[in-house]
Amino acid sequence: MAVTDKDLKAAEARIAALREAGHVVAARYDHGTARVVVELHNGVQLAVPSGQIEGLAQAAPEDLAEIEISPAGLGLSWPRLDVDLYLPALLQGVFGSRQWMASQLGGLGGRARSAAKADAARENGRKGGRPRKVSAA
């Protein structure tokens, strides 16, 4: 499929609109707070705990410190870790792939404490607790 001038102009317009909403001019890893700090063109700074970004949780500080900004300013890359992050997604609170985000949210939900959950656990305990698994022979 050939790219026409019309296609190219439309793509350039989309990139310009995205850049206007915000683009990265500087990025660094703050070892003291274990956060990735991103500075946007309008002076806004965003600090995200590195453990909340897919692929960065277990990374060494020296690997986290090497951050590259894409030419359009819409992406961050950690070449040593083979991790890429898209700024518009980051601004929307998306810190990884759909599957990874779902696993993170599922883990948080399982740890949730609520009165209803505590009541259900007590009621289950009164009934003898969780049923034992029966092995099929």
C-alpha atoms as a PDB file:
ATOM      1  CA  MET A   1       0.000   0.000   0.000  1.00  0.00           C
ATOM      2  CA  ALA A   2       1.463   3.315  -1.049  1.00  0.00           C
ATOM      3  CA  VAL A   3       1.351   6.324   1.246  1.00  0.00           C
ATOM      4  CA  THR A   4      -0.130   9.335  -0.475  1.00  0.00           C
ATOM      5  CA  ASP A   5       0.542  12.991   0.270  1.00  0.00           C
ATOM      6  CA  LYS A   6      -2.954  13.169   1.736  1.00  0.00           C
ATOM      7  CA  ASP A   7      -2.149  10.285   4.129  1.00  0.00           C
ATOM      8  CA  LEU A   8       1.113  11.924   5.134  1.00  0.00           C
ATOM      9  CA  LYS A   9      -0.542  15.280   5.844  1.00  0.00           C
ATOM     10  CA  ALA A  10      -3.265  13.572   7.906  1.00  0.00           C
ATOM     11  CA  ALA A  11      -0.639  11.713   9.957  1.00  0.00           C
ATOM     12  CA  GLU A  12       1.346  14.912  10.516  1.00  0.00           C
ATOM     13  CA  ALA A  13      -1.847  16.662  11.685  1.00  0.00           C
ATOM     14  CA  ARG A  14      -2.564  13.835  14.169  1.00  0.00           C
ATOM     15  CA  ILE A  15       0.973  14.026  15.578  1.00  0.00           C
ATOM     16  CA  ALA A  16       0.761  17.823  15.866  1.00  0.00           C
ATOM     17  CA  ALA A  17      -2.525  17.540  17.784  1.00  0.00           C
ATOM     18  CA  LEU A  18      -1.055  14.936  20.137  1.00  0.00           C
ATOM     19  CA  ARG A  19       2.063  17.050  20.701  1.00  0.00           C
ATOM     20  CA  GLU A  20      -0.071  20.092  21.487  1.00  0.00           C
ATOM     21  CA  ALA A  21      -1.846  18.110  24.231  1.00  0.00           C
ATOM     22  CA  GLY A  22       1.550  17.395  25.759  1.00  0.00           C
ATOM     23  CA  HIS A  23       4.979  16.176  24.784  1.00  0.00           C
ATOM     24  CA  VAL A  24       8.068  15.237  26.744  1.00  0.00           C
ATOM     25  CA  VAL A  25      11.040  17.591  26.847  1.00  0.00           C
ATOM     26  CA  ALA A  26      12.942  15.819  29.651  1.00  0.00           C
ATOM     27  CA  ALA A  27      12.772  12.533  31.555  1.00  0.00           C
ATOM     28  CA  ARG A  28      14.844  11.118  34.399  1.00  0.00           C
ATOM     29  CA  TYR A  29      14.796   8.455  37.073  1.00  0.00           C
ATOM     30  CA  ASP A  30      14.847   9.784  40.658  1.00  0.00           C
ATOM     31  CA  HIS A  31      16.663   7.106  42.660  1.00  0.00           C
ATOM     32  CA  GLY A  32      15.709   8.680  46.013  1.00  0.00           C
ATOM     33  CA  THR A  33      11.971   8.348  45.409  1.00  0.00           C
ATOM     34  CA  ALA A  34      12.122   5.438  42.910  1.00  0.00           C
ATOM     35  CA  ARG A  35      10.051   7.474  40.445  1.00  0.00           C
ATOM     36  CA  VAL A  36      10.241   8.243  36.764  1.00  0.00           C
ATOM     37  CA  VAL A  37       9.947  12.023  36.428  1.00  0.00           C
ATOM     38  CA  VAL A  38       8.686  13.358  33.100  1.00  0.00           C
ATOM     39  CA  GLU A  39       8.688  17.052  32.224  1.00  0.00           C
ATOM     40  CA  LEU A  40       6.258  18.239  29.566  1.00  0.00           C
ATOM     41  CA  HIS A  41       6.636  21.159  27.176  1.00  0.00           C
ATOM     42  CA  ASN A  42       4.298  23.302  29.283  1.00  0.00           C
ATOM     43  CA  GLY A  43       6.340  22.928  32.477  1.00  0.00           C
ATOM     44  CA  VAL A  44       4.143  20.238  34.022  1.00  0.00           C
ATOM     45  CA  GLN A  45       6.048  17.451  35.731  1.00  0.00           C
ATOM     46  CA  LEU A  46       4.662  13.975  36.207  1.00  0.00           C
ATOM     47  CA  ALA A  47       6.271  11.546  38.679  1.00  0.00           C
ATOM     48  CA  VAL A  48       5.255   7.876  38.514  1.00  0.00           C
ATOM     49  CA  PRO A  49       6.593   5.148  40.812  1.00  0.00           C
ATOM     50  CA  SER A  50       8.721   2.892  38.614  1.00  0.00           C
ATOM     51  CA  GLY A  51       7.101  -0.177  40.175  1.00  0.00           C
ATOM     52  CA  GLN A  52       3.774   0.821  38.641  1.00  0.00           C
ATOM     53  CA  ILE A  53       5.092   0.706  35.076  1.00  0.00           C
ATOM     54  CA  GLU A  54       5.158  -2.636  33.279  1.00  0.00           C
ATOM     55  CA  GLY A  55       8.720  -3.893  32.896  1.00  0.00           C
ATOM     56  CA  LEU A  56      10.305  -1.465  35.363  1.00  0.00           C
ATOM     57  CA  ALA A  57       9.334  -2.958  38.739  1.00  0.00           C
ATOM     58  CA  GLN A  58      12.394  -5.173  39.200  1.00  0.00           C
ATOM     59  CA  ALA A  59      14.862  -3.116  37.148  1.00  0.00           C
ATOM     60  CA  ALA A  60      18.202  -1.896  38.477  1.00  0.00           C
ATOM     61  CA  PRO A  61      18.549   1.859  39.059  1.00  0.00           C
ATOM     62  CA  GLU A  62      21.295   2.180  36.430  1.00  0.00           C
ATOM     63  CA  ASP A  63      18.958   0.628  33.837  1.00  0.00           C
ATOM     64  CA  LEU A  64      16.095   2.891  34.895  1.00  0.00           C
ATOM     65  CA  ALA A  65      18.319   5.951  34.577  1.00  0.00           C
ATOM     66  CA  GLU A  66      18.850   5.403  30.847  1.00  0.00           C
ATOM     67  CA  ILE A  67      15.712   6.902  29.306  1.00  0.00           C
ATOM     68  CA  GLU A  68      15.335   7.950  25.683  1.00  0.00           C
ATOM     69  CA  ILE A  69      12.652  10.333  24.433  1.00  0.00           C
ATOM     70  CA  SER A  70      11.126   9.682  21.017  1.00  0.00           C
ATOM     71  CA  PRO A  71      11.717  12.352  18.344  1.00  0.00           C
ATOM     72  CA  ALA A  72       8.061  13.469  18.527  1.00  0.00           C
ATOM     73  CA  GLY A  73       8.250  13.619  22.330  1.00  0.00           C
ATOM     74  CA  LEU A  74       5.339  11.217  22.676  1.00  0.00           C
ATOM     75  CA  GLY A  75       7.242   8.154  23.840  1.00  0.00           C
ATOM     76  CA  LEU A  76       9.768   7.069  26.429  1.00  0.00           C
ATOM     77  CA  SER A  77      12.085   4.126  25.979  1.00  0.00           C
ATOM     78  CA  TRP A  78      14.389   2.170  28.287  1.00  0.00           C
ATOM     79  CA  PRO A  79      16.663   0.456  25.740  1.00  0.00           C
ATOM     80  CA  ARG A  80      18.450  -1.795  28.250  1.00  0.00           C
ATOM     81  CA  LEU A  81      15.108  -3.118  29.455  1.00  0.00           C
ATOM     82  CA  ASP A  82      13.301  -3.200  26.085  1.00  0.00           C
ATOM     83  CA  VAL A  83      10.449  -1.165  27.610  1.00  0.00           C
ATOM     84  CA  ASP A  84       8.523   1.554  25.788  1.00  0.00           C
ATOM     85  CA  LEU A  85       5.859   3.864  27.164  1.00  0.00           C
ATOM     86  CA  TYR A  86       3.453   6.064  25.182  1.00  0.00           C
ATOM     87  CA  LEU A  87       2.923   9.493  26.772  1.00  0.00           C
ATOM     88  CA  PRO A  88      -0.778   9.923  25.888  1.00  0.00           C
ATOM     89  CA  ALA A  89      -1.487   6.544  27.520  1.00  0.00           C
ATOM     90  CA  LEU A  90       0.603   7.475  30.568  1.00  0.00           C
ATOM     91  CA  LEU A  91      -1.406  10.676  30.972  1.00  0.00           C
ATOM     92  CA  GLN A  92      -4.560   8.545  30.959  1.00  0.00           C
ATOM     93  CA  GLY A  93      -3.191   6.286  33.702  1.00  0.00           C
ATOM     94  CA  VAL A  94      -2.227   3.383  31.458  1.00  0.00           C
ATOM     95  CA  PHE A  95       1.088   2.026  32.725  1.00  0.00           C
ATOM     96  CA  GLY A  96       1.348  -1.147  30.647  1.00  0.00           C
ATOM     97  CA  SER A  97      -0.433  -3.583  28.366  1.00  0.00           C
ATOM     98  CA  ARG A  98      -4.098  -4.387  28.812  1.00  0.00           C
ATOM     99  CA  GLN A  99      -3.280  -7.848  30.202  1.00  0.00           C
ATOM    100  CA  TRP A 100      -0.704  -6.478  32.658  1.00  0.00           C
ATOM    101  CA  MET A 101      -3.040  -3.693  33.825  1.00  0.00           C
ATOM    102  CA  ALA A 102      -5.824  -6.250  34.397  1.00  0.00           C
ATOM    103  CA  SER A 103      -3.500  -8.415  36.495  1.00  0.00           C
ATOM    104  CA  GLN A 104      -2.509  -5.399  38.592  1.00  0.00           C
ATOM    105  CA  LEU A 105      -6.118  -4.374  39.149  1.00  0.00           C
ATOM    106  CA  GLY A 106      -7.140  -7.959  39.929  1.00  0.00           C
ATOM    107  CA  GLY A 107      -4.446  -8.209  42.584  1.00  0.00           C
ATOM    108  CA  LEU A 108      -5.615  -4.997  44.184  1.00  0.00           C
ATOM    109  CA  GLY A 109      -9.219  -6.163  44.196  1.00  0.00           C
ATOM    110  CA  GLY A 110      -8.294  -9.413  45.913  1.00  0.00           C
ATOM    111  CA  ARG A 111      -6.577  -7.474  48.700  1.00  0.00           C
ATOM    112  CA  ALA A 112      -9.478  -5.079  49.159  1.00  0.00           C
ATOM    113  CA  ARG A 113     -10.838  -4.781  52.667  1.00  0.00           C
ATOM    114  CA  SER A 114     -14.468  -3.938  53.151  1.00  0.00           C
ATOM    115  CA  ALA A 115     -17.109  -4.571  55.755  1.00  0.00           C
ATOM    116  CA  ALA A 116     -18.960  -6.854  53.343  1.00  0.00           C
ATOM    117  CA  LYS A 117     -15.842  -8.923  52.666  1.00  0.00           C
ATOM    118  CA  ALA A 118     -15.060  -9.217  56.389  1.00  0.00           C
ATOM    119  CA  ASP A 119     -18.663 -10.268  57.139  1.00  0.00           C
ATOM    120  CA  ALA A 120     -18.559 -12.889  54.387  1.00  0.00           C
ATOM    121  CA  ALA A 121     -15.268 -14.293  55.728  1.00  0.00           C
ATOM    122  CA  ARG A 122     -16.696 -14.522  59.271  1.00  0.00           C
ATOM    123  CA  GLU A 123     -19.831 -16.251  58.004  1.00  0.00           C
ATOM    124  CA  ASN A 124     -17.729 -18.703  56.003  1.00  0.00           C
ATOM    125  CA  GLY A 125     -15.648 -19.378  59.141  1.00  0.00           C
ATOM    126  CA  ARG A 126     -18.795 -20.185  61.129  1.00  0.00           C
ATOM    127  CA  LYS A 127     -19.669 -22.767  58.499  1.00  0.00           C
ATOM    128  CA  GLY A 128     -16.319 -24.486  58.923  1.00  0.00           C
ATOM    129  CA  GLY A 129     -14.242 -22.458  56.490  1.00  0.00           C
ATOM    130  CA  ARG A 130     -13.353 -23.230  52.950  1.00  0.00           C
ATOM    131  CA  PRO A 131     -14.329 -26.742  51.838  1.00  0.00           C
ATOM    132  CA  ARG A 132     -11.429 -29.149  51.503  1.00  0.00           C
ATOM    133  CA  LYS A 133     -10.494 -30.353  48.052  1.00  0.00           C
ATOM    134  CA  VAL A 134     -11.258 -33.987  47.438  1.00  0.00           C
ATOM    135  CA  SER A 135      -8.735 -35.729  45.250  1.00  0.00           C
ATOM    136  CA  ALA A 136     -10.098 -37.933  42.513  1.00  0.00           C
ATOM    137  CA  ALA A 137      -8.454 -41.338  42.583  1.00  0.00           C
END
